[in-house]
N, C-alpha and C. Protein backbone atom coordinates (compact mmCIF):
# COMPACT_ATOMS: atom_id res chain seq x y z
N MET A 1 -196.55 281.27 233.20
CA MET A 1 -197.38 280.13 233.54
C MET A 1 -196.69 279.34 234.65
N ALA A 2 -197.42 278.95 235.67
CA ALA A 2 -196.89 278.20 236.78
C ALA A 2 -196.53 276.79 236.35
N LYS A 3 -195.49 276.26 236.98
CA LYS A 3 -195.05 274.91 236.65
C LYS A 3 -196.10 273.92 237.13
N GLU A 4 -196.52 273.09 236.24
CA GLU A 4 -197.55 272.09 236.51
C GLU A 4 -196.87 270.82 237.05
N GLN A 5 -197.49 270.22 238.08
CA GLN A 5 -196.92 269.01 238.65
C GLN A 5 -197.17 267.86 237.68
N LYS A 6 -196.16 267.03 237.51
CA LYS A 6 -196.27 265.88 236.61
C LYS A 6 -197.25 264.86 237.19
N THR A 7 -197.91 264.16 236.32
CA THR A 7 -198.81 263.08 236.75
C THR A 7 -198.06 262.04 237.53
N SER A 8 -196.85 261.70 237.10
CA SER A 8 -196.07 260.68 237.80
C SER A 8 -195.73 261.12 239.22
N GLU A 9 -195.52 262.42 239.43
CA GLU A 9 -195.22 262.93 240.78
C GLU A 9 -196.44 262.76 241.71
N CYS A 10 -197.62 263.00 241.17
CA CYS A 10 -198.84 262.82 241.96
C CYS A 10 -199.03 261.36 242.38
N ILE A 11 -198.86 260.47 241.40
CA ILE A 11 -199.00 259.03 241.66
C ILE A 11 -197.94 258.59 242.67
N GLU A 12 -196.71 259.07 242.48
CA GLU A 12 -195.62 258.69 243.37
C GLU A 12 -195.86 259.16 244.79
N SER A 13 -196.39 260.36 244.94
CA SER A 13 -196.70 260.89 246.30
C SER A 13 -197.74 260.02 246.99
N PHE A 14 -198.77 259.64 246.25
CA PHE A 14 -199.80 258.78 246.80
C PHE A 14 -199.25 257.41 247.19
N LEU A 15 -198.42 256.83 246.33
CA LEU A 15 -197.84 255.52 246.63
C LEU A 15 -196.89 255.60 247.85
N ASN A 16 -196.14 256.72 247.96
CA ASN A 16 -195.27 256.90 249.13
C ASN A 16 -196.11 256.96 250.40
N LEU A 17 -197.23 257.66 250.33
CA LEU A 17 -198.13 257.71 251.48
C LEU A 17 -198.65 256.32 251.86
N LEU A 18 -199.03 255.56 250.84
CA LEU A 18 -199.51 254.21 251.09
C LEU A 18 -198.40 253.31 251.67
N ASN A 19 -197.18 253.49 251.18
CA ASN A 19 -196.09 252.69 251.68
C ASN A 19 -195.74 253.03 253.13
N ASN A 20 -196.02 254.25 253.56
CA ASN A 20 -195.72 254.68 254.92
C ASN A 20 -196.87 254.47 255.90
N VAL A 21 -198.05 254.18 255.39
CA VAL A 21 -199.22 254.13 256.26
C VAL A 21 -199.14 253.01 257.29
N GLU A 22 -198.56 251.88 256.97
CA GLU A 22 -198.45 250.80 257.94
C GLU A 22 -197.55 251.19 259.11
N SER A 23 -196.38 251.75 258.81
CA SER A 23 -195.49 252.15 259.88
C SER A 23 -196.05 253.29 260.73
N LEU A 24 -196.76 254.22 260.06
CA LEU A 24 -197.42 255.28 260.83
C LEU A 24 -198.48 254.71 261.74
N HIS A 25 -199.26 253.78 261.23
CA HIS A 25 -200.32 253.15 262.01
C HIS A 25 -199.75 252.48 263.25
N GLN A 26 -198.67 251.71 263.07
CA GLN A 26 -198.05 251.01 264.19
C GLN A 26 -197.43 252.00 265.19
N CYS A 27 -196.80 253.03 264.66
CA CYS A 27 -196.18 254.06 265.51
C CYS A 27 -197.24 254.75 266.37
N TYR A 28 -198.34 255.15 265.77
CA TYR A 28 -199.40 255.82 266.52
C TYR A 28 -200.01 254.90 267.56
N GLN A 29 -200.24 253.64 267.18
CA GLN A 29 -200.81 252.69 268.14
C GLN A 29 -199.89 252.46 269.34
N SER A 30 -198.60 252.32 269.07
CA SER A 30 -197.67 252.08 270.19
C SER A 30 -197.55 253.32 271.06
N GLU A 31 -197.62 254.50 270.48
CA GLU A 31 -197.53 255.72 271.29
C GLU A 31 -198.79 255.90 272.13
N ILE A 32 -199.94 255.55 271.60
CA ILE A 32 -201.18 255.60 272.39
C ILE A 32 -201.08 254.63 273.56
N SER A 33 -200.60 253.43 273.30
CA SER A 33 -200.42 252.44 274.36
C SER A 33 -199.44 252.95 275.42
N ARG A 34 -198.34 253.56 275.00
CA ARG A 34 -197.39 254.09 275.96
C ARG A 34 -197.98 255.20 276.80
N GLN A 35 -198.75 256.07 276.18
CA GLN A 35 -199.39 257.15 276.93
C GLN A 35 -200.44 256.59 277.90
N ASP A 36 -201.15 255.54 277.51
CA ASP A 36 -202.11 254.91 278.42
C ASP A 36 -201.39 254.35 279.65
N LYS A 37 -200.26 253.72 279.43
CA LYS A 37 -199.50 253.15 280.55
C LYS A 37 -198.94 254.25 281.44
N LEU A 38 -198.49 255.34 280.82
CA LEU A 38 -197.99 256.46 281.59
C LEU A 38 -199.10 257.08 282.45
N THR A 39 -200.29 257.18 281.87
CA THR A 39 -201.43 257.69 282.63
C THR A 39 -201.74 256.81 283.84
N GLN A 40 -201.72 255.51 283.61
CA GLN A 40 -201.97 254.58 284.71
C GLN A 40 -200.89 254.71 285.79
N ASP A 41 -199.65 254.91 285.39
CA ASP A 41 -198.57 255.13 286.36
C ASP A 41 -198.85 256.38 287.20
N TYR A 42 -199.23 257.46 286.52
CA TYR A 42 -199.51 258.70 287.24
C TYR A 42 -200.69 258.52 288.20
N LEU A 43 -201.77 257.86 287.72
CA LEU A 43 -202.95 257.68 288.54
C LEU A 43 -202.67 256.78 289.75
N HIS A 44 -201.88 255.74 289.57
CA HIS A 44 -201.55 254.88 290.69
C HIS A 44 -200.65 255.58 291.70
N LYS A 45 -199.77 256.40 291.20
CA LYS A 45 -198.90 257.17 292.11
C LYS A 45 -199.75 258.12 292.93
N LEU A 46 -200.73 258.74 292.28
CA LEU A 46 -201.65 259.65 292.98
C LEU A 46 -202.51 258.90 293.98
N GLU A 47 -203.04 257.75 293.54
CA GLU A 47 -203.89 256.94 294.39
C GLU A 47 -203.16 256.47 295.66
N LEU A 48 -201.93 256.10 295.50
CA LEU A 48 -201.16 255.58 296.62
C LEU A 48 -200.50 256.68 297.47
N GLY A 49 -200.78 257.92 297.11
CA GLY A 49 -200.31 259.04 297.92
C GLY A 49 -198.81 259.27 297.86
N GLU A 50 -198.20 258.95 296.73
CA GLU A 50 -196.77 259.10 296.61
C GLU A 50 -196.35 260.49 296.08
N VAL A 51 -197.32 261.37 295.92
CA VAL A 51 -197.04 262.71 295.42
C VAL A 51 -197.07 263.69 296.58
N ALA A 52 -195.96 264.38 296.80
CA ALA A 52 -195.89 265.37 297.85
C ALA A 52 -196.80 266.55 297.52
N PRO A 53 -197.38 267.16 298.51
CA PRO A 53 -198.31 268.28 298.25
C PRO A 53 -197.66 269.40 297.42
N ARG A 54 -196.43 269.70 297.64
CA ARG A 54 -195.80 270.79 296.89
C ARG A 54 -195.49 270.39 295.44
N GLU A 55 -195.57 269.11 295.11
CA GLU A 55 -195.29 268.63 293.76
C GLU A 55 -196.56 268.34 292.95
N LYS A 56 -197.73 268.56 293.56
CA LYS A 56 -198.99 268.21 292.89
C LYS A 56 -199.24 269.01 291.61
N VAL A 57 -198.88 270.27 291.60
CA VAL A 57 -199.10 271.10 290.40
C VAL A 57 -198.23 270.55 289.26
N LYS A 58 -196.99 270.31 289.55
CA LYS A 58 -196.07 269.77 288.56
C LYS A 58 -196.55 268.39 288.06
N PHE A 59 -197.03 267.60 289.00
CA PHE A 59 -197.54 266.27 288.69
C PHE A 59 -198.79 266.34 287.80
N THR A 60 -199.72 267.20 288.14
CA THR A 60 -200.94 267.31 287.32
C THR A 60 -200.64 267.88 285.96
N ASN A 61 -199.66 268.76 285.84
CA ASN A 61 -199.26 269.25 284.53
C ASN A 61 -198.67 268.14 283.65
N ALA A 62 -197.91 267.25 284.29
CA ALA A 62 -197.34 266.11 283.56
C ALA A 62 -198.47 265.16 283.10
N LEU A 63 -199.46 264.96 283.96
CA LEU A 63 -200.60 264.12 283.62
C LEU A 63 -201.39 264.74 282.47
N LYS A 64 -201.61 266.05 282.53
CA LYS A 64 -202.32 266.75 281.48
C LYS A 64 -201.57 266.65 280.15
N ARG A 65 -200.26 266.84 280.18
CA ARG A 65 -199.44 266.77 278.98
C ARG A 65 -199.51 265.35 278.37
N SER A 66 -199.50 264.35 279.23
CA SER A 66 -199.59 262.97 278.76
C SER A 66 -200.93 262.72 278.06
N ARG A 67 -201.99 263.23 278.63
CA ARG A 67 -203.33 263.06 278.03
C ARG A 67 -203.45 263.82 276.71
N GLN A 68 -202.82 264.99 276.62
CA GLN A 68 -202.84 265.76 275.38
C GLN A 68 -202.03 265.05 274.28
N ASP A 69 -200.89 264.47 274.66
CA ASP A 69 -200.11 263.72 273.71
C ASP A 69 -200.88 262.51 273.20
N ARG A 70 -201.57 261.82 274.10
CA ARG A 70 -202.38 260.67 273.71
C ARG A 70 -203.46 261.11 272.74
N ARG A 71 -204.11 262.20 272.99
CA ARG A 71 -205.16 262.71 272.10
C ARG A 71 -204.59 263.03 270.72
N TYR A 72 -203.40 263.63 270.69
CA TYR A 72 -202.79 263.94 269.42
C TYR A 72 -202.57 262.68 268.58
N TYR A 73 -201.97 261.66 269.17
CA TYR A 73 -201.72 260.42 268.45
C TYR A 73 -202.99 259.66 268.09
N LYS A 74 -203.97 259.72 268.94
CA LYS A 74 -205.26 259.08 268.64
C LYS A 74 -205.93 259.77 267.46
N ASP A 75 -205.89 261.08 267.42
CA ASP A 75 -206.46 261.81 266.29
C ASP A 75 -205.75 261.47 264.98
N ARG A 76 -204.43 261.41 265.01
CA ARG A 76 -203.68 261.05 263.80
C ARG A 76 -204.01 259.64 263.35
N LEU A 77 -204.13 258.73 264.31
CA LEU A 77 -204.52 257.35 263.98
C LEU A 77 -205.88 257.29 263.32
N GLU A 78 -206.83 258.02 263.87
CA GLU A 78 -208.18 258.03 263.27
C GLU A 78 -208.17 258.61 261.87
N GLU A 79 -207.28 259.59 261.61
CA GLU A 79 -207.20 260.21 260.30
C GLU A 79 -206.64 259.25 259.24
N ILE A 80 -205.67 258.44 259.62
CA ILE A 80 -205.07 257.54 258.64
C ILE A 80 -205.76 256.18 258.58
N GLN A 81 -206.68 255.90 259.48
CA GLN A 81 -207.33 254.60 259.53
C GLN A 81 -208.00 254.19 258.23
N PRO A 82 -208.78 255.09 257.59
CA PRO A 82 -209.39 254.68 256.30
C PRO A 82 -208.32 254.35 255.23
N LEU A 83 -207.23 255.09 255.22
CA LEU A 83 -206.17 254.82 254.27
C LEU A 83 -205.47 253.51 254.60
N TYR A 84 -205.29 253.23 255.86
CA TYR A 84 -204.70 251.96 256.30
C TYR A 84 -205.58 250.79 255.87
N GLU A 85 -206.88 250.91 256.04
CA GLU A 85 -207.80 249.86 255.62
C GLU A 85 -207.78 249.68 254.11
N PHE A 86 -207.71 250.78 253.37
CA PHE A 86 -207.58 250.73 251.90
C PHE A 86 -206.31 249.97 251.55
N TRP A 87 -205.19 250.30 252.21
CA TRP A 87 -203.92 249.66 251.95
C TRP A 87 -204.00 248.15 252.19
N GLN A 88 -204.66 247.76 253.30
CA GLN A 88 -204.78 246.34 253.62
C GLN A 88 -205.63 245.58 252.61
N ASN A 89 -206.71 246.21 252.14
CA ASN A 89 -207.68 245.52 251.28
C ASN A 89 -207.38 245.59 249.80
N ASN A 90 -206.41 246.38 249.40
CA ASN A 90 -206.20 246.63 247.98
C ASN A 90 -204.73 246.50 247.54
N ARG A 91 -204.07 245.48 248.03
CA ARG A 91 -202.64 245.33 247.69
C ARG A 91 -202.44 245.06 246.20
N LYS A 92 -203.38 244.35 245.59
CA LYS A 92 -203.26 244.10 244.13
C LYS A 92 -203.38 245.42 243.37
N VAL A 93 -204.33 246.24 243.77
CA VAL A 93 -204.53 247.53 243.12
C VAL A 93 -203.28 248.40 243.27
N ILE A 94 -202.66 248.34 244.42
CA ILE A 94 -201.45 249.14 244.65
C ILE A 94 -200.34 248.66 243.73
N GLY A 95 -200.22 247.35 243.55
CA GLY A 95 -199.24 246.81 242.60
C GLY A 95 -199.52 247.29 241.19
N ILE A 96 -200.78 247.30 240.80
CA ILE A 96 -201.16 247.78 239.48
C ILE A 96 -200.83 249.26 239.34
N LEU A 97 -201.08 250.01 240.39
CA LEU A 97 -200.78 251.44 240.39
C LEU A 97 -199.26 251.68 240.27
N GLN A 98 -198.46 250.84 240.90
CA GLN A 98 -197.00 250.97 240.75
C GLN A 98 -196.58 250.70 239.32
N ASN A 99 -197.18 249.72 238.68
CA ASN A 99 -196.89 249.45 237.25
C ASN A 99 -197.34 250.62 236.38
N THR A 100 -198.47 251.18 236.71
CA THR A 100 -198.98 252.34 235.99
C THR A 100 -198.05 253.51 236.12
N LEU A 101 -197.48 253.70 237.30
CA LEU A 101 -196.52 254.78 237.50
C LEU A 101 -195.34 254.62 236.54
N GLY A 102 -194.85 253.41 236.39
CA GLY A 102 -193.75 253.17 235.46
C GLY A 102 -194.14 253.53 234.04
N ALA A 103 -195.36 253.16 233.64
CA ALA A 103 -195.80 253.48 232.27
C ALA A 103 -195.95 255.00 232.07
N VAL A 104 -196.47 255.68 233.08
CA VAL A 104 -196.62 257.13 232.98
C VAL A 104 -195.26 257.81 232.88
N ARG A 105 -194.30 257.35 233.68
CA ARG A 105 -192.93 257.91 233.62
C ARG A 105 -192.31 257.71 232.26
N LYS A 106 -192.55 256.54 231.69
CA LYS A 106 -192.02 256.24 230.37
C LYS A 106 -192.55 257.22 229.34
N GLN A 107 -193.86 257.49 229.39
CA GLN A 107 -194.47 258.44 228.46
C GLN A 107 -193.96 259.86 228.69
N GLU A 108 -193.80 260.25 229.95
CA GLU A 108 -193.28 261.60 230.26
C GLU A 108 -191.87 261.75 229.71
N LYS A 109 -191.05 260.74 229.87
CA LYS A 109 -189.68 260.79 229.35
C LYS A 109 -189.69 260.92 227.84
N TYR A 110 -190.58 260.17 227.21
CA TYR A 110 -190.71 260.25 225.72
C TYR A 110 -191.08 261.67 225.30
N HIS A 111 -192.01 262.27 226.02
CA HIS A 111 -192.47 263.61 225.68
C HIS A 111 -191.39 264.66 225.88
N GLU A 112 -190.51 264.43 226.85
CA GLU A 112 -189.43 265.40 227.10
C GLU A 112 -188.38 265.37 225.98
N CYS A 113 -188.18 264.24 225.38
CA CYS A 113 -187.13 264.08 224.38
C CYS A 113 -187.70 263.85 222.99
N ARG A 114 -188.84 264.38 222.75
CA ARG A 114 -189.54 264.13 221.47
C ARG A 114 -188.77 264.79 220.32
N VAL A 115 -188.59 264.01 219.26
CA VAL A 115 -187.93 264.50 218.06
C VAL A 115 -188.76 264.03 216.87
N TYR A 116 -189.00 264.96 215.96
CA TYR A 116 -189.75 264.57 214.78
C TYR A 116 -188.78 264.15 213.68
N LYS A 117 -189.03 263.03 213.10
CA LYS A 117 -188.22 262.52 211.98
C LYS A 117 -189.09 262.56 210.73
N PRO A 118 -188.71 263.41 209.78
CA PRO A 118 -189.53 263.51 208.56
C PRO A 118 -189.62 262.18 207.85
N ARG A 119 -190.77 261.92 207.29
CA ARG A 119 -191.02 260.67 206.59
C ARG A 119 -190.82 260.84 205.07
N VAL A 120 -190.98 262.05 204.66
CA VAL A 120 -190.81 262.35 203.24
C VAL A 120 -189.88 263.55 203.15
N LEU A 121 -188.98 263.50 202.21
CA LEU A 121 -188.07 264.61 202.06
C LEU A 121 -188.82 265.79 201.45
N VAL A 122 -188.84 266.89 202.15
CA VAL A 122 -189.55 268.08 201.70
C VAL A 122 -188.51 269.06 201.16
N GLN A 123 -188.77 269.56 199.94
CA GLN A 123 -187.87 270.53 199.36
C GLN A 123 -188.36 271.93 199.64
N GLU A 124 -187.42 272.78 200.05
CA GLU A 124 -187.81 274.15 200.35
C GLU A 124 -187.52 275.00 199.12
N ASN A 125 -188.38 275.96 198.80
CA ASN A 125 -188.19 276.86 197.63
C ASN A 125 -187.48 278.11 198.02
């Protein structure tokens, strides 16, 4: 039989994700902003004719890579946005869930060390 994941591990994984969602959100936003600025730098350099003809291929590849990186971070941001909004709007629920995690762990620990103590002395024949 395959090892079953504990309930506390599932709750803990979810809470860890929630605890990291704010920093992920900020990281993705700042990287998108940085890529936007880099794109503007490339476009202004191109507009002002500061790119030598023999460097245009290298330059356009750098611009393409910048746009692809921006797309990657924007996609990640869009994926975590609903979770970020949940995190912002449900801080009380998250606190309750953390307390629940403690209670679940307590029960799991009890079940691991369960010992039966007889209540009546039973005689064996």
